[in-house]
C-alpha atoms as a PDB file:
ATOM      1  CA  MET A   1     -33.790   1.181  -9.785  1.00  0.00           C
ATOM      2  CA  ASP A   2     -30.923   0.033  -7.576  1.00  0.00           C
ATOM      3  CA  ARG A   3     -27.254   0.325  -8.487  1.00  0.00           C
ATOM      4  CA  GLU A   4     -26.918  -3.369  -9.368  1.00  0.00           C
ATOM      5  CA  ASN A   5     -29.726  -3.321 -11.929  1.00  0.00           C
ATOM      6  CA  ARG A   6     -28.590  -0.163 -13.748  1.00  0.00           C
ATOM      7  CA  GLY A   7     -25.799  -2.081 -15.377  1.00  0.00           C
ATOM      8  CA  GLY A   8     -22.334  -0.846 -16.086  1.00  0.00           C
ATOM      9  CA  TRP A   9     -19.434  -0.702 -18.471  1.00  0.00           C
ATOM     10  CA  VAL A  10     -16.097  -2.443 -18.842  1.00  0.00           C
ATOM     11  CA  TYR A  11     -13.718  -0.269 -20.852  1.00  0.00           C
ATOM     12  CA  ILE A  12     -10.144   0.103 -22.058  1.00  0.00           C
ATOM     13  CA  MET A  13      -8.169   3.343 -22.171  1.00  0.00           C
ATOM     14  CA  THR A  14      -4.855   3.976 -23.946  1.00  0.00           C
ATOM     15  CA  ASP A  15      -2.545   6.791 -24.953  1.00  0.00           C
ATOM     16  CA  ARG A  16      -2.007   5.763 -28.591  1.00  0.00           C
ATOM     17  CA  TYR A  17      -2.263   2.917 -31.096  1.00  0.00           C
ATOM     18  CA  ARG A  18      -1.159  -0.261 -29.304  1.00  0.00           C
ATOM     19  CA  GLY A  19       0.085   1.833 -26.389  1.00  0.00           C
ATOM     20  CA  THR A  20      -0.272   1.360 -22.647  1.00  0.00           C
ATOM     21  CA  LEU A  21      -3.620  -0.228 -21.717  1.00  0.00           C
ATOM     22  CA  TYR A  22      -5.873   0.352 -18.711  1.00  0.00           C
ATOM     23  CA  VAL A  23      -8.935  -1.830 -18.083  1.00  0.00           C
ATOM     24  CA  GLY A  24     -11.646  -0.308 -15.899  1.00  0.00           C
ATOM     25  CA  VAL A  25     -15.270  -0.661 -14.840  1.00  0.00           C
ATOM     26  CA  THR A  26     -17.907   1.973 -14.116  1.00  0.00           C
ATOM     27  CA  SER A  27     -21.635   2.542 -13.935  1.00  0.00           C
ATOM     28  CA  ASP A  28     -21.328   5.946 -15.694  1.00  0.00           C
ATOM     29  CA  LEU A  29     -18.953   5.713 -18.647  1.00  0.00           C
ATOM     30  CA  ALA A  30     -19.109   9.335 -19.820  1.00  0.00           C
ATOM     31  CA  SER A  31     -18.319  10.698 -16.348  1.00  0.00           C
ATOM     32  CA  ARG A  32     -15.543   8.200 -15.776  1.00  0.00           C
ATOM     33  CA  ILE A  33     -13.839   8.990 -19.103  1.00  0.00           C
ATOM     34  CA  HIS A  34     -14.100  12.701 -18.301  1.00  0.00           C
ATOM     35  CA  GLN A  35     -12.341  11.979 -14.992  1.00  0.00           C
ATOM     36  CA  HIS A  36      -9.546  10.135 -16.794  1.00  0.00           C
ATOM     37  CA  ARG A  37      -9.138  13.003 -19.244  1.00  0.00           C
ATOM     38  CA  THR A  38      -8.834  15.537 -16.435  1.00  0.00           C
ATOM     39  CA  GLY A  39      -6.354  13.424 -14.481  1.00  0.00           C
ATOM     40  CA  THR A  40      -8.697  12.475 -11.634  1.00  0.00           C
ATOM     41  CA  GLY A  41      -9.914   9.071 -12.864  1.00  0.00           C
ATOM     42  CA  SER A  42      -7.001   6.947 -11.690  1.00  0.00           C
ATOM     43  CA  ASP A  43      -3.381   7.476 -10.777  1.00  0.00           C
ATOM     44  CA  PHE A  44      -2.327   4.977 -13.464  1.00  0.00           C
ATOM     45  CA  CYS A  45      -4.197   6.800 -16.251  1.00  0.00           C
ATOM     46  CA  ALA A  46      -2.911  10.155 -15.053  1.00  0.00           C
ATOM     47  CA  ARG A  47       0.701   8.929 -14.821  1.00  0.00           C
ATOM     48  CA  TYR A  48       0.687   7.469 -18.336  1.00  0.00           C
ATOM     49  CA  ARG A  49      -1.675  10.068 -19.846  1.00  0.00           C
ATOM     50  CA  LEU A  50      -4.249   7.510 -20.951  1.00  0.00           C
ATOM     51  CA  THR A  51      -7.061   9.602 -22.414  1.00  0.00           C
ATOM     52  CA  ARG A  52      -8.272   7.595 -25.419  1.00  0.00           C
ATOM     53  CA  LEU A  53     -11.259   5.280 -24.963  1.00  0.00           C
ATOM     54  CA  VAL A  54     -10.708   2.439 -27.452  1.00  0.00           C
ATOM     55  CA  TRP A  55     -13.095  -0.267 -26.264  1.00  0.00           C
ATOM     56  CA  ALA A  56     -16.238  -0.428 -24.107  1.00  0.00           C
ATOM     57  CA  GLU A  57     -18.861  -3.050 -23.433  1.00  0.00           C
ATOM     58  CA  PHE A  58     -22.131  -2.654 -21.542  1.00  0.00           C
ATOM     59  CA  GLY A  59     -23.210  -5.268 -19.012  1.00  0.00           C
ATOM     60  CA  GLU A  60     -26.643  -5.766 -17.486  1.00  0.00           C
ATOM     61  CA  SER A  61     -25.330  -5.734 -13.901  1.00  0.00           C
ATOM     62  CA  ILE A  62     -22.380  -4.011 -12.267  1.00  0.00           C
ATOM     63  CA  THR A  63     -21.411  -7.313 -10.627  1.00  0.00           C
ATOM     64  CA  GLU A  64     -21.209  -8.933 -14.066  1.00  0.00           C
ATOM     65  CA  CYS A  65     -19.047  -6.027 -15.260  1.00  0.00           C
ATOM     66  CA  ILE A  66     -16.651  -6.303 -12.318  1.00  0.00           C
ATOM     67  CA  THR A  67     -16.249 -10.019 -12.979  1.00  0.00           C
ATOM     68  CA  HIS A  68     -15.578  -9.357 -16.671  1.00  0.00           C
ATOM     69  CA  GLU A  69     -13.072  -6.590 -15.849  1.00  0.00           C
ATOM     70  CA  LYS A  70     -11.123  -8.914 -13.545  1.00  0.00           C
ATOM     71  CA  ARG A  71     -11.112 -11.604 -16.232  1.00  0.00           C
ATOM     72  CA  ILE A  72      -9.796  -9.210 -18.911  1.00  0.00           C
ATOM     73  CA  LYS A  73      -7.085  -7.913 -16.568  1.00  0.00           C
ATOM     74  CA  ARG A  74      -5.721 -11.467 -16.350  1.00  0.00           C
ATOM     75  CA  TRP A  75      -5.571 -11.836 -20.145  1.00  0.00           C
ATOM     76  CA  HIS A  76      -2.371 -11.624 -22.143  1.00  0.00           C
ATOM     77  CA  ARG A  77      -1.801  -8.229 -23.734  1.00  0.00           C
ATOM     78  CA  ALA A  78      -2.141  -9.764 -27.226  1.00  0.00           C
ATOM     79  CA  TRP A  79      -5.662 -10.984 -26.388  1.00  0.00           C
ATOM     80  CA  LYS A  80      -6.695  -7.484 -25.264  1.00  0.00           C
ATOM     81  CA  ILE A  81      -5.284  -5.971 -28.456  1.00  0.00           C
ATOM     82  CA  GLU A  82      -7.130  -8.554 -30.557  1.00  0.00           C
ATOM     83  CA  MET A  83     -10.409  -7.737 -28.775  1.00  0.00           C
ATOM     84  CA  ILE A  84      -9.897  -3.995 -29.313  1.00  0.00           C
ATOM     85  CA  GLU A  85      -9.030  -4.440 -32.986  1.00  0.00           C
ATOM     86  CA  ARG A  86     -12.090  -6.613 -33.662  1.00  0.00           C
ATOM     87  CA  ALA A  87     -14.331  -3.779 -32.466  1.00  0.00           C
ATOM     88  CA  ASN A  88     -12.161  -0.763 -33.288  1.00  0.00           C
ATOM     89  CA  PRO A  89      -9.453  -1.645 -35.875  1.00  0.00           C
ATOM     90  CA  SER A  90      -8.131   1.913 -36.187  1.00  0.00           C
ATOM     91  CA  TRP A  91      -8.050   2.509 -32.407  1.00  0.00           C
ATOM     92  CA  ASP A  92     -10.292   5.573 -32.743  1.00  0.00           C
ATOM     93  CA  ASP A  93     -11.237   7.464 -29.610  1.00  0.00           C
ATOM     94  CA  LEU A  94     -14.806   6.336 -28.917  1.00  0.00           C
ATOM     95  CA  PHE A  95     -15.573   9.009 -26.318  1.00  0.00           C
ATOM     96  CA  ASP A  96     -17.146  11.447 -28.796  1.00  0.00           C
ATOM     97  CA  SER A  97     -19.698   8.828 -29.815  1.00  0.00           C
ATOM     98  CA  LEU A  98     -20.860   8.632 -26.160  1.00  0.00           C
ATOM     99  CA  VAL A  99     -21.684  12.277 -25.628  1.00  0.00           C
END
């Protein structure tokens, strides 16, 4: 199976309830979150200590996920918060449910 057809994930990281938000995309969510937690995932996440996965959505193709990530990044902050709270009202860390 090629990379495109494996699918991927669009996800949001934060440091706390309604804190700083980071929107990312990956084909391997568990590995990517581990990278963020160890400070190697992105400079932005490392700088702001964003270690809590609060929202994630699977997409059938990585291209679809990249498009969705770019769209979400253009959204107003309030729209991102609303999306997170529809799926995860208490802003729980969803990482443990992945592994």
